[in-house]
N, C-alpha and C. Protein backbone atom coordinates (compact mmCIF):
# COMPACT_ATOMS: atom_id res chain seq x y z
N MET A 1 -65.36 40.90 143.92
CA MET A 1 -65.51 42.10 143.11
C MET A 1 -64.49 43.16 143.52
N LYS A 2 -64.29 43.32 144.82
CA LYS A 2 -63.36 44.31 145.33
C LYS A 2 -61.92 43.99 144.91
N LYS A 3 -61.55 42.69 144.97
CA LYS A 3 -60.20 42.27 144.59
C LYS A 3 -59.94 42.53 143.12
N SER A 4 -60.92 42.21 142.27
CA SER A 4 -60.71 42.42 140.83
C SER A 4 -60.60 43.91 140.51
N LEU A 5 -61.32 44.76 141.22
CA LEU A 5 -61.22 46.20 141.01
C LEU A 5 -59.83 46.70 141.40
N ILE A 6 -59.31 46.22 142.52
CA ILE A 6 -57.96 46.61 142.96
C ILE A 6 -56.92 46.16 141.95
N VAL A 7 -57.07 44.94 141.44
CA VAL A 7 -56.13 44.42 140.45
C VAL A 7 -56.18 45.28 139.18
N LEU A 8 -57.36 45.67 138.75
CA LEU A 8 -57.49 46.51 137.55
C LEU A 8 -56.84 47.87 137.76
N VAL A 9 -57.03 48.47 138.93
CA VAL A 9 -56.44 49.77 139.22
C VAL A 9 -54.91 49.65 139.23
N VAL A 10 -54.37 48.64 139.88
CA VAL A 10 -52.93 48.43 139.93
C VAL A 10 -52.39 48.18 138.52
N LEU A 11 -53.09 47.37 137.74
CA LEU A 11 -52.68 47.08 136.37
C LEU A 11 -52.69 48.35 135.52
N PHE A 12 -53.70 49.18 135.68
CA PHE A 12 -53.80 50.44 134.93
C PHE A 12 -52.61 51.34 135.24
N PHE A 13 -52.30 51.52 136.52
CA PHE A 13 -51.18 52.39 136.88
C PHE A 13 -49.85 51.79 136.46
N SER A 14 -49.72 50.47 136.45
CA SER A 14 -48.49 49.83 135.98
C SER A 14 -48.30 50.08 134.50
N ILE A 15 -49.38 49.98 133.72
CA ILE A 15 -49.30 50.23 132.29
C ILE A 15 -48.95 51.69 132.04
N GLN A 16 -49.54 52.60 132.79
CA GLN A 16 -49.24 54.02 132.65
C GLN A 16 -47.75 54.27 132.92
N HIS A 17 -47.21 53.65 133.96
CA HIS A 17 -45.82 53.86 134.35
C HIS A 17 -44.88 53.32 133.27
N VAL A 18 -45.19 52.14 132.72
CA VAL A 18 -44.35 51.56 131.69
C VAL A 18 -44.37 52.40 130.42
N SER A 19 -45.54 52.89 130.04
CA SER A 19 -45.63 53.67 128.81
C SER A 19 -45.00 55.06 128.95
N ALA A 20 -44.83 55.54 130.18
CA ALA A 20 -44.25 56.85 130.38
C ALA A 20 -42.77 56.87 129.98
N GLN A 21 -42.05 55.77 130.21
CA GLN A 21 -40.64 55.68 129.85
C GLN A 21 -40.52 55.10 128.45
N VAL A 22 -40.30 55.96 127.47
CA VAL A 22 -40.30 55.52 126.09
C VAL A 22 -38.93 54.98 125.69
N LYS A 23 -37.87 55.68 126.02
CA LYS A 23 -36.55 55.29 125.58
C LYS A 23 -35.61 55.09 126.76
N GLU A 24 -34.62 54.23 126.57
CA GLU A 24 -33.63 54.00 127.61
C GLU A 24 -32.56 55.09 127.55
N ILE A 25 -31.76 55.15 128.59
CA ILE A 25 -30.61 56.06 128.61
C ILE A 25 -29.53 55.46 127.71
N LYS A 26 -28.99 56.27 126.81
CA LYS A 26 -27.88 55.83 125.97
C LYS A 26 -26.58 56.27 126.63
N ILE A 27 -25.54 55.47 126.43
CA ILE A 27 -24.21 55.83 126.93
C ILE A 27 -23.32 56.14 125.73
N GLU A 28 -22.70 57.32 125.75
CA GLU A 28 -21.74 57.71 124.72
C GLU A 28 -20.39 57.89 125.37
N GLU A 29 -19.35 57.50 124.65
CA GLU A 29 -18.00 57.67 125.19
C GLU A 29 -17.22 58.67 124.35
N GLU A 30 -16.31 59.37 125.03
CA GLU A 30 -15.47 60.37 124.37
C GLU A 30 -14.08 60.26 124.97
N ARG A 31 -13.07 60.08 124.12
CA ARG A 31 -11.69 59.93 124.59
C ARG A 31 -11.00 61.29 124.53
N VAL A 32 -10.47 61.73 125.66
CA VAL A 32 -9.73 62.98 125.75
C VAL A 32 -8.38 62.65 126.38
N ASN A 33 -7.33 62.60 125.54
CA ASN A 33 -5.98 62.21 125.97
C ASN A 33 -6.03 60.86 126.68
N ASN A 34 -5.70 60.82 127.97
CA ASN A 34 -5.70 59.54 128.70
C ASN A 34 -6.97 59.35 129.55
N ARG A 35 -8.00 60.10 129.21
CA ARG A 35 -9.26 59.98 129.94
C ARG A 35 -10.36 59.47 129.00
N LEU A 36 -11.22 58.66 129.53
CA LEU A 36 -12.38 58.18 128.79
C LEU A 36 -13.62 58.71 129.52
N MET A 37 -14.33 59.62 128.86
CA MET A 37 -15.51 60.23 129.45
C MET A 37 -16.74 59.44 129.02
N LEU A 38 -17.59 59.08 129.97
CA LEU A 38 -18.83 58.36 129.69
C LEU A 38 -20.01 59.29 129.97
N TYR A 39 -20.82 59.51 128.94
CA TYR A 39 -21.96 60.43 129.02
C TYR A 39 -23.26 59.65 128.98
N GLY A 40 -24.23 60.09 129.77
CA GLY A 40 -25.58 59.56 129.71
C GLY A 40 -26.44 60.50 128.88
N VAL A 41 -27.19 59.94 127.92
CA VAL A 41 -28.04 60.75 127.04
C VAL A 41 -29.49 60.37 127.30
N ASN A 42 -30.28 61.36 127.72
CA ASN A 42 -31.69 61.16 128.02
C ASN A 42 -32.53 61.75 126.88
N GLU A 43 -33.13 60.88 126.08
CA GLU A 43 -33.95 61.33 124.95
C GLU A 43 -35.44 61.35 125.32
N ASN A 44 -35.73 61.37 126.59
CA ASN A 44 -37.12 61.43 127.06
C ASN A 44 -37.49 62.86 127.40
N LEU A 45 -38.77 63.09 127.58
CA LEU A 45 -39.26 64.42 127.96
C LEU A 45 -39.43 64.56 129.47
N GLN A 46 -38.77 63.69 130.23
CA GLN A 46 -38.83 63.76 131.69
C GLN A 46 -37.43 63.55 132.25
N ASP A 47 -37.16 64.15 133.42
CA ASP A 47 -35.89 63.97 134.09
C ASP A 47 -35.79 62.55 134.63
N LEU A 48 -34.56 62.04 134.68
CA LEU A 48 -34.32 60.70 135.22
C LEU A 48 -33.10 60.72 136.12
N ASP A 49 -33.08 59.84 137.12
CA ASP A 49 -31.90 59.63 137.95
C ASP A 49 -31.23 58.34 137.50
N VAL A 50 -29.89 58.40 137.33
CA VAL A 50 -29.14 57.27 136.79
C VAL A 50 -27.95 56.98 137.68
N THR A 51 -27.79 55.70 138.02
CA THR A 51 -26.60 55.23 138.74
C THR A 51 -25.87 54.28 137.80
N MET A 52 -24.56 54.53 137.62
CA MET A 52 -23.78 53.74 136.67
C MET A 52 -22.62 53.07 137.38
N THR A 53 -22.45 51.76 137.17
CA THR A 53 -21.28 51.04 137.68
C THR A 53 -20.54 50.46 136.49
N VAL A 54 -19.19 50.57 136.54
CA VAL A 54 -18.35 50.13 135.43
C VAL A 54 -17.33 49.13 135.95
N GLU A 55 -17.14 48.04 135.18
CA GLU A 55 -16.10 47.05 135.48
C GLU A 55 -15.32 46.79 134.21
N GLY A 56 -14.04 46.46 134.36
CA GLY A 56 -13.24 46.15 133.19
C GLY A 56 -11.76 46.27 133.47
N THR A 57 -10.99 46.36 132.37
CA THR A 57 -9.53 46.44 132.48
C THR A 57 -9.01 47.57 131.61
N GLY A 58 -7.76 47.97 131.89
CA GLY A 58 -7.11 48.99 131.09
C GLY A 58 -7.40 50.41 131.54
N PHE A 59 -7.97 50.57 132.73
CA PHE A 59 -8.29 51.90 133.23
C PHE A 59 -8.35 51.90 134.75
N ARG A 60 -8.33 53.12 135.32
CA ARG A 60 -8.54 53.30 136.75
C ARG A 60 -9.77 54.19 136.92
N GLN A 61 -10.46 53.98 138.02
CA GLN A 61 -11.62 54.81 138.32
C GLN A 61 -11.70 55.04 139.82
N SER A 62 -12.52 55.95 140.19
CA SER A 62 -12.71 56.26 141.61
C SER A 62 -13.24 55.02 142.33
N THR A 63 -12.78 54.84 143.56
CA THR A 63 -13.23 53.68 144.35
C THR A 63 -14.44 54.01 145.21
N ARG A 64 -14.94 55.24 145.08
CA ARG A 64 -16.12 55.61 145.86
C ARG A 64 -17.35 54.83 145.40
N LYS A 65 -18.30 54.73 146.29
CA LYS A 65 -19.56 54.06 145.98
C LYS A 65 -20.28 54.85 144.88
N PRO A 66 -20.84 54.16 143.85
CA PRO A 66 -21.55 54.87 142.78
C PRO A 66 -22.72 55.69 143.33
N ARG A 67 -22.88 56.89 142.76
CA ARG A 67 -23.95 57.79 143.16
C ARG A 67 -24.92 58.00 142.01
N ALA A 68 -26.12 58.37 142.34
CA ALA A 68 -27.12 58.68 141.31
C ALA A 68 -26.87 60.09 140.78
N PHE A 69 -27.01 60.24 139.46
CA PHE A 69 -26.88 61.54 138.80
C PHE A 69 -28.21 61.87 138.15
N ARG A 70 -28.59 63.13 138.21
CA ARG A 70 -29.80 63.59 137.53
C ARG A 70 -29.45 63.91 136.08
N ILE A 71 -30.19 63.31 135.16
CA ILE A 71 -30.07 63.67 133.75
C ILE A 71 -31.38 64.32 133.36
N PRO A 72 -31.37 65.64 133.16
CA PRO A 72 -32.61 66.33 132.79
C PRO A 72 -33.16 65.83 131.45
N ALA A 73 -34.41 66.10 131.23
CA ALA A 73 -35.06 65.73 129.97
C ALA A 73 -34.28 66.28 128.78
N THR A 74 -34.20 65.50 127.73
CA THR A 74 -33.54 65.87 126.47
C THR A 74 -32.19 66.54 126.70
N SER A 75 -31.30 65.82 127.40
CA SER A 75 -29.98 66.38 127.65
C SER A 75 -28.93 65.27 127.76
N ARG A 76 -27.68 65.71 127.82
CA ARG A 76 -26.51 64.83 127.89
C ARG A 76 -25.68 65.26 129.09
N VAL A 77 -25.29 64.30 129.95
CA VAL A 77 -24.55 64.60 131.17
C VAL A 77 -23.37 63.65 131.29
N ASN A 78 -22.20 64.19 131.71
CA ASN A 78 -21.03 63.35 131.97
C ASN A 78 -21.26 62.59 133.27
N LEU A 79 -21.31 61.26 133.18
CA LEU A 79 -21.56 60.43 134.36
C LEU A 79 -20.28 59.96 135.02
N LEU A 80 -19.26 59.64 134.22
CA LEU A 80 -18.05 59.02 134.77
C LEU A 80 -16.84 59.39 133.94
N MET A 81 -15.69 59.43 134.60
CA MET A 81 -14.42 59.62 133.91
C MET A 81 -13.51 58.48 134.30
N LEU A 82 -12.99 57.77 133.30
CA LEU A 82 -12.05 56.68 133.54
C LEU A 82 -10.67 57.12 133.10
N MET A 83 -9.65 56.85 133.91
CA MET A 83 -8.26 57.17 133.56
C MET A 83 -7.66 55.95 132.86
N VAL A 84 -7.34 56.09 131.59
CA VAL A 84 -6.82 54.98 130.79
C VAL A 84 -5.36 54.74 131.15
N ASN A 85 -5.01 53.47 131.40
CA ASN A 85 -3.62 53.11 131.70
C ASN A 85 -2.76 53.30 130.47
N LYS A 86 -1.55 53.78 130.65
CA LYS A 86 -0.64 54.08 129.55
C LYS A 86 -0.38 52.83 128.72
N GLY A 87 -0.57 52.95 127.42
CA GLY A 87 -0.29 51.84 126.51
C GLY A 87 -1.36 50.75 126.50
N GLU A 88 -2.47 50.94 127.19
CA GLU A 88 -3.52 49.92 127.23
C GLU A 88 -4.79 50.45 126.57
N THR A 89 -5.60 49.52 126.12
CA THR A 89 -6.90 49.85 125.55
C THR A 89 -7.96 49.50 126.59
N PRO A 90 -8.79 50.47 126.96
CA PRO A 90 -9.81 50.17 127.98
C PRO A 90 -10.86 49.20 127.45
N ASN A 91 -11.19 48.23 128.26
CA ASN A 91 -12.22 47.24 127.97
C ASN A 91 -13.17 47.27 129.16
N TYR A 92 -14.43 47.60 128.93
CA TYR A 92 -15.33 47.73 130.08
C TYR A 92 -16.74 47.29 129.74
N THR A 93 -17.45 46.98 130.81
CA THR A 93 -18.89 46.75 130.75
C THR A 93 -19.51 47.67 131.80
N TYR A 94 -20.75 48.04 131.59
CA TYR A 94 -21.40 48.92 132.56
C TYR A 94 -22.80 48.42 132.86
N GLU A 95 -23.27 48.87 133.99
CA GLU A 95 -24.63 48.56 134.42
C GLU A 95 -25.30 49.86 134.84
N LEU A 96 -26.54 50.05 134.40
CA LEU A 96 -27.27 51.27 134.72
C LEU A 96 -28.49 50.95 135.57
N ALA A 97 -28.73 51.78 136.55
CA ALA A 97 -29.98 51.74 137.31
C ALA A 97 -30.66 53.08 137.04
N VAL A 98 -31.80 53.02 136.36
CA VAL A 98 -32.51 54.23 135.93
C VAL A 98 -33.86 54.30 136.62
N THR A 99 -34.21 55.47 137.14
CA THR A 99 -35.51 55.64 137.78
C THR A 99 -36.07 57.02 137.47
N ASP A 100 -37.40 57.07 137.39
CA ASP A 100 -38.06 58.37 137.24
C ASP A 100 -38.54 58.90 138.59
N SER A 101 -38.27 58.16 139.66
CA SER A 101 -38.54 58.64 141.03
C SER A 101 -37.33 59.47 141.45
N LEU A 102 -37.43 60.75 141.28
CA LEU A 102 -36.29 61.64 141.46
C LEU A 102 -35.96 61.83 142.93
N SER A 103 -34.68 61.71 143.24
CA SER A 103 -34.20 61.84 144.61
C SER A 103 -33.55 63.21 144.81
N ARG A 104 -33.74 63.76 145.99
CA ARG A 104 -33.07 65.04 146.31
C ARG A 104 -31.57 64.84 146.45
N ARG A 105 -31.14 63.61 146.66
CA ARG A 105 -29.71 63.32 146.84
C ARG A 105 -28.97 63.12 145.52
N ALA A 106 -29.67 63.02 144.43
CA ALA A 106 -29.01 62.81 143.14
C ALA A 106 -28.11 64.00 142.82
N LEU A 107 -26.90 63.71 142.35
CA LEU A 107 -25.96 64.76 142.00
C LEU A 107 -26.38 65.41 140.69
N ARG A 108 -26.15 66.71 140.61
CA ARG A 108 -26.49 67.45 139.39
C ARG A 108 -25.22 68.01 138.78
N LYS A 109 -24.94 67.57 137.57
CA LYS A 109 -23.79 68.06 136.82
C LYS A 109 -24.29 68.93 135.68
N PRO A 110 -23.41 69.73 135.08
CA PRO A 110 -23.85 70.52 133.93
C PRO A 110 -24.39 69.62 132.82
N ALA A 111 -25.51 70.01 132.27
CA ALA A 111 -26.16 69.22 131.22
C ALA A 111 -26.13 69.99 129.90
N THR A 112 -25.94 69.26 128.82
CA THR A 112 -25.96 69.85 127.48
C THR A 112 -27.29 69.48 126.83
N PRO A 113 -28.08 70.46 126.42
CA PRO A 113 -29.36 70.13 125.77
C PRO A 113 -29.12 69.40 124.44
N ILE A 114 -30.02 68.48 124.12
CA ILE A 114 -29.96 67.77 122.84
C ILE A 114 -31.31 67.90 122.15
N LYS A 115 -31.33 67.61 120.87
CA LYS A 115 -32.57 67.57 120.10
C LYS A 115 -32.98 66.12 119.93
N ILE A 116 -34.29 65.87 119.97
CA ILE A 116 -34.80 64.52 119.80
C ILE A 116 -35.79 64.48 118.64
N ASP A 117 -36.01 63.28 118.12
CA ASP A 117 -37.00 63.10 117.07
C ASP A 117 -38.39 63.10 117.68
N PRO A 118 -39.32 63.84 117.09
CA PRO A 118 -40.70 63.79 117.58
C PRO A 118 -41.34 62.46 117.18
N LYS A 119 -42.58 62.23 117.63
CA LYS A 119 -43.27 60.98 117.31
C LYS A 119 -43.37 60.76 115.81
N SER A 120 -43.56 61.84 115.06
CA SER A 120 -43.51 61.76 113.60
C SER A 120 -42.70 62.95 113.11
N PRO A 121 -41.99 62.80 111.97
CA PRO A 121 -41.13 63.89 111.50
C PRO A 121 -41.91 65.18 111.23
N ILE A 122 -41.25 66.30 111.49
CA ILE A 122 -41.82 67.62 111.22
C ILE A 122 -41.07 68.20 110.02
N ILE A 123 -41.81 68.46 108.94
CA ILE A 123 -41.20 69.03 107.73
C ILE A 123 -41.94 70.32 107.40
N PHE A 124 -41.17 71.41 107.28
CA PHE A 124 -41.73 72.71 106.88
C PHE A 124 -41.47 72.93 105.40
N TYR A 125 -42.49 73.38 104.69
CA TYR A 125 -42.34 73.86 103.32
C TYR A 125 -42.57 75.36 103.37
N VAL A 126 -41.57 76.13 102.98
CA VAL A 126 -41.61 77.57 103.17
C VAL A 126 -41.58 78.29 101.83
N SER A 127 -42.54 79.18 101.64
CA SER A 127 -42.58 80.00 100.42
C SER A 127 -41.93 81.36 100.71
N GLU A 128 -41.74 82.12 99.67
CA GLU A 128 -41.12 83.45 99.82
C GLU A 128 -42.05 84.42 100.55
N THR A 129 -43.37 84.16 100.51
CA THR A 129 -44.34 85.08 101.10
C THR A 129 -44.81 84.65 102.49
N CYS A 130 -44.13 83.70 103.09
CA CYS A 130 -44.55 83.20 104.40
C CYS A 130 -44.38 84.27 105.46
N GLN A 131 -45.47 84.57 106.19
CA GLN A 131 -45.43 85.63 107.20
C GLN A 131 -45.20 85.09 108.62
N THR A 132 -45.56 83.84 108.88
CA THR A 132 -45.42 83.29 110.24
C THR A 132 -44.24 82.35 110.38
N CYS A 133 -43.50 82.13 109.30
CA CYS A 133 -42.43 81.12 109.31
C CYS A 133 -41.34 81.42 110.33
N ASP A 134 -40.85 82.67 110.34
CA ASP A 134 -39.74 83.00 111.22
C ASP A 134 -40.08 82.79 112.68
N SER A 135 -41.26 83.22 113.12
CA SER A 135 -41.61 83.05 114.53
C SER A 135 -41.83 81.58 114.88
N LEU A 136 -42.44 80.83 113.96
CA LEU A 136 -42.66 79.40 114.21
C LEU A 136 -41.35 78.63 114.26
N VAL A 137 -40.45 78.93 113.34
CA VAL A 137 -39.16 78.24 113.32
C VAL A 137 -38.32 78.63 114.53
N SER A 138 -38.33 79.89 114.93
CA SER A 138 -37.53 80.29 116.10
C SER A 138 -38.07 79.66 117.39
N SER A 139 -39.38 79.52 117.50
CA SER A 139 -39.91 78.85 118.70
C SER A 139 -39.62 77.35 118.65
N LEU A 140 -39.60 76.76 117.47
CA LEU A 140 -39.25 75.34 117.35
C LEU A 140 -37.76 75.11 117.62
N ASP A 141 -36.93 76.11 117.31
CA ASP A 141 -35.51 76.03 117.64
C ASP A 141 -35.29 75.91 119.14
N LYS A 142 -36.17 76.54 119.92
CA LYS A 142 -36.05 76.50 121.38
C LYS A 142 -36.64 75.22 121.97
N SER A 143 -37.40 74.48 121.19
CA SER A 143 -38.01 73.24 121.66
C SER A 143 -36.98 72.10 121.57
N PRO A 144 -37.28 70.94 122.14
CA PRO A 144 -36.32 69.83 122.07
C PRO A 144 -36.40 69.02 120.78
N TYR A 145 -37.26 69.42 119.82
CA TYR A 145 -37.51 68.57 118.66
C TYR A 145 -36.68 68.94 117.44
N ARG A 146 -36.31 67.89 116.68
CA ARG A 146 -35.66 68.08 115.38
C ARG A 146 -36.74 68.33 114.34
N TYR A 147 -36.38 69.05 113.30
CA TYR A 147 -37.29 69.30 112.19
C TYR A 147 -36.46 69.59 110.95
N SER A 148 -37.11 69.64 109.79
CA SER A 148 -36.40 70.01 108.56
C SER A 148 -37.22 71.06 107.82
N ILE A 149 -36.50 71.87 107.03
CA ILE A 149 -37.13 72.94 106.26
C ILE A 149 -36.78 72.75 104.79
N THR A 150 -37.79 72.83 103.94
CA THR A 150 -37.59 72.83 102.50
C THR A 150 -38.13 74.15 101.97
N ARG A 151 -37.26 74.93 101.34
CA ARG A 151 -37.66 76.24 100.80
C ARG A 151 -38.02 76.06 99.33
N PHE A 152 -39.20 76.57 98.98
CA PHE A 152 -39.66 76.45 97.60
C PHE A 152 -38.71 77.12 96.61
N ALA A 153 -38.03 78.18 97.03
CA ALA A 153 -37.10 78.87 96.15
C ALA A 153 -35.96 77.94 95.73
N ASP A 154 -35.55 77.05 96.63
CA ASP A 154 -34.46 76.11 96.34
C ASP A 154 -34.95 74.84 95.66
N HIS A 155 -36.22 74.50 95.82
CA HIS A 155 -36.77 73.24 95.29
C HIS A 155 -38.11 73.49 94.59
N PRO A 156 -38.08 74.06 93.38
CA PRO A 156 -39.35 74.35 92.69
C PRO A 156 -40.14 73.09 92.33
N GLU A 157 -39.46 71.95 92.17
CA GLU A 157 -40.18 70.71 91.86
C GLU A 157 -41.07 70.27 93.02
N ILE A 158 -40.63 70.51 94.25
CA ILE A 158 -41.45 70.18 95.41
C ILE A 158 -42.64 71.13 95.49
N LYS A 159 -42.41 72.40 95.14
CA LYS A 159 -43.51 73.37 95.13
C LYS A 159 -44.60 72.92 94.15
N ASN A 160 -44.21 72.41 93.00
CA ASN A 160 -45.18 71.94 92.02
C ASN A 160 -45.95 70.73 92.53
N GLN A 161 -45.28 69.83 93.25
CA GLN A 161 -45.95 68.66 93.82
C GLN A 161 -46.98 69.08 94.87
N ILE A 162 -46.60 70.03 95.72
CA ILE A 162 -47.51 70.48 96.78
C ILE A 162 -48.66 71.29 96.18
N LYS A 163 -48.37 72.01 95.11
CA LYS A 163 -49.42 72.80 94.46
C LYS A 163 -50.51 71.88 93.90
N ALA A 164 -50.14 70.66 93.52
CA ALA A 164 -51.14 69.70 93.05
C ALA A 164 -52.08 69.31 94.20
N ALA A 165 -51.56 69.27 95.42
CA ALA A 165 -52.39 68.93 96.59
C ALA A 165 -53.10 70.15 97.15
N ILE A 166 -52.47 71.31 97.05
CA ILE A 166 -53.06 72.56 97.56
C ILE A 166 -53.07 73.57 96.42
N PRO A 167 -54.15 73.63 95.62
CA PRO A 167 -54.18 74.54 94.45
C PRO A 167 -54.02 76.01 94.82
N GLU A 168 -54.48 76.42 96.01
CA GLU A 168 -54.39 77.83 96.41
C GLU A 168 -53.05 78.14 97.09
N LEU A 169 -52.00 77.38 96.78
CA LEU A 169 -50.70 77.51 97.42
C LEU A 169 -50.13 78.92 97.33
N ASP A 170 -50.33 79.60 96.22
CA ASP A 170 -49.76 80.95 96.04
C ASP A 170 -50.37 81.98 96.98
N THR A 171 -51.54 81.71 97.53
CA THR A 171 -52.18 82.66 98.45
C THR A 171 -51.96 82.31 99.92
N VAL A 172 -51.32 81.17 100.19
CA VAL A 172 -51.07 80.75 101.58
C VAL A 172 -49.94 81.58 102.16
N SER A 173 -50.18 82.19 103.32
CA SER A 173 -49.16 83.04 103.94
C SER A 173 -48.49 82.38 105.14
N ASN A 174 -48.90 81.17 105.49
CA ASN A 174 -48.28 80.43 106.60
C ASN A 174 -47.33 79.38 106.04
N ALA A 175 -46.54 78.81 106.95
CA ALA A 175 -45.72 77.66 106.56
C ALA A 175 -46.64 76.47 106.31
N ILE A 176 -46.28 75.65 105.37
CA ILE A 176 -47.01 74.40 105.14
C ILE A 176 -46.26 73.34 105.92
N VAL A 177 -46.95 72.67 106.82
CA VAL A 177 -46.31 71.71 107.70
C VAL A 177 -46.78 70.31 107.33
N ASN A 178 -45.82 69.41 107.16
CA ASN A 178 -46.11 68.02 106.88
C ASN A 178 -45.93 67.22 108.16
N LEU A 179 -47.02 66.66 108.67
CA LEU A 179 -47.01 65.80 109.86
C LEU A 179 -47.72 64.50 109.50
N LYS A 180 -47.02 63.40 109.64
CA LYS A 180 -47.59 62.07 109.36
C LYS A 180 -48.16 61.99 107.94
N GLY A 181 -47.54 62.69 106.99
CA GLY A 181 -48.00 62.64 105.61
C GLY A 181 -49.15 63.57 105.30
N LYS A 182 -49.65 64.31 106.30
CA LYS A 182 -50.74 65.27 106.07
C LYS A 182 -50.15 66.68 106.02
N LEU A 183 -50.70 67.49 105.12
CA LEU A 183 -50.25 68.88 104.98
C LEU A 183 -51.19 69.80 105.73
N PHE A 184 -50.62 70.69 106.55
CA PHE A 184 -51.39 71.67 107.31
C PHE A 184 -50.96 73.07 106.89
N VAL A 185 -51.95 73.95 106.62
CA VAL A 185 -51.63 75.33 106.22
C VAL A 185 -52.09 76.34 107.27
N ASP A 186 -52.68 75.84 108.36
CA ASP A 186 -53.26 76.74 109.35
C ASP A 186 -52.48 76.80 110.67
N ILE A 187 -51.28 76.25 110.73
CA ILE A 187 -50.50 76.24 111.96
C ILE A 187 -49.68 77.52 112.04
N GLU A 188 -49.88 78.28 113.12
CA GLU A 188 -49.16 79.55 113.29
C GLU A 188 -48.27 79.58 114.52
N THR A 189 -48.54 78.71 115.53
CA THR A 189 -47.75 78.72 116.76
C THR A 189 -47.23 77.33 117.07
N LEU A 190 -46.23 77.29 117.96
CA LEU A 190 -45.67 76.01 118.38
C LEU A 190 -46.71 75.16 119.10
N GLU A 191 -47.57 75.80 119.90
CA GLU A 191 -48.61 75.06 120.63
C GLU A 191 -49.55 74.36 119.66
N GLU A 192 -49.94 75.05 118.59
CA GLU A 192 -50.81 74.43 117.59
C GLU A 192 -50.09 73.26 116.92
N LEU A 193 -48.81 73.43 116.63
CA LEU A 193 -48.04 72.36 116.00
C LEU A 193 -47.96 71.14 116.90
N LEU A 194 -47.65 71.34 118.18
CA LEU A 194 -47.53 70.22 119.11
C LEU A 194 -48.87 69.53 119.35
N SER A 195 -49.96 70.28 119.31
CA SER A 195 -51.27 69.65 119.50
C SER A 195 -51.62 68.75 118.30
N LYS A 196 -51.22 69.13 117.10
CA LYS A 196 -51.45 68.30 115.91
C LYS A 196 -50.52 67.09 115.90
N LEU A 197 -49.37 67.26 116.50
CA LEU A 197 -48.37 66.19 116.53
C LEU A 197 -48.86 65.03 117.37
């Protein structure tokens, strides 16, 4: 009985750990004159440490031992710079070691914040009389999530479709938020929006 309980506890924590890491680190490249910059993009809501090793031809790189770099949540960080040999096209493969066990020794470079897609798309429908729209949109601008806005003034046909679902649309003073195909008229703050998400 004791062994099976230990196995269940270990299995539970293993599943928790696996589900915590939703997306892998993406690598983006950018060519600047004779340099090839390799960026790590973290689309997760947690910081990660990344070690990158590159092999290939057509370039030179530092001979130092690869170091771990911290990539903060929802950000992009330059991990490596390769010097392209004159007249050659760089051909490379890379290997990443990614961990959420953050080390104090990981190097920290300037990070550029990025926007990520939420679990389900966030769509705002905004009327001319919306009183909470500006504050909600400005707080969402500061969040890591992408969203879209449809203004009824620009799209009267959408207003008519939503009015069929919400007959009292003309009296609604909040933004109408579409999450997972459901329309919400009572969301006034970012916290309320994220809790519904």
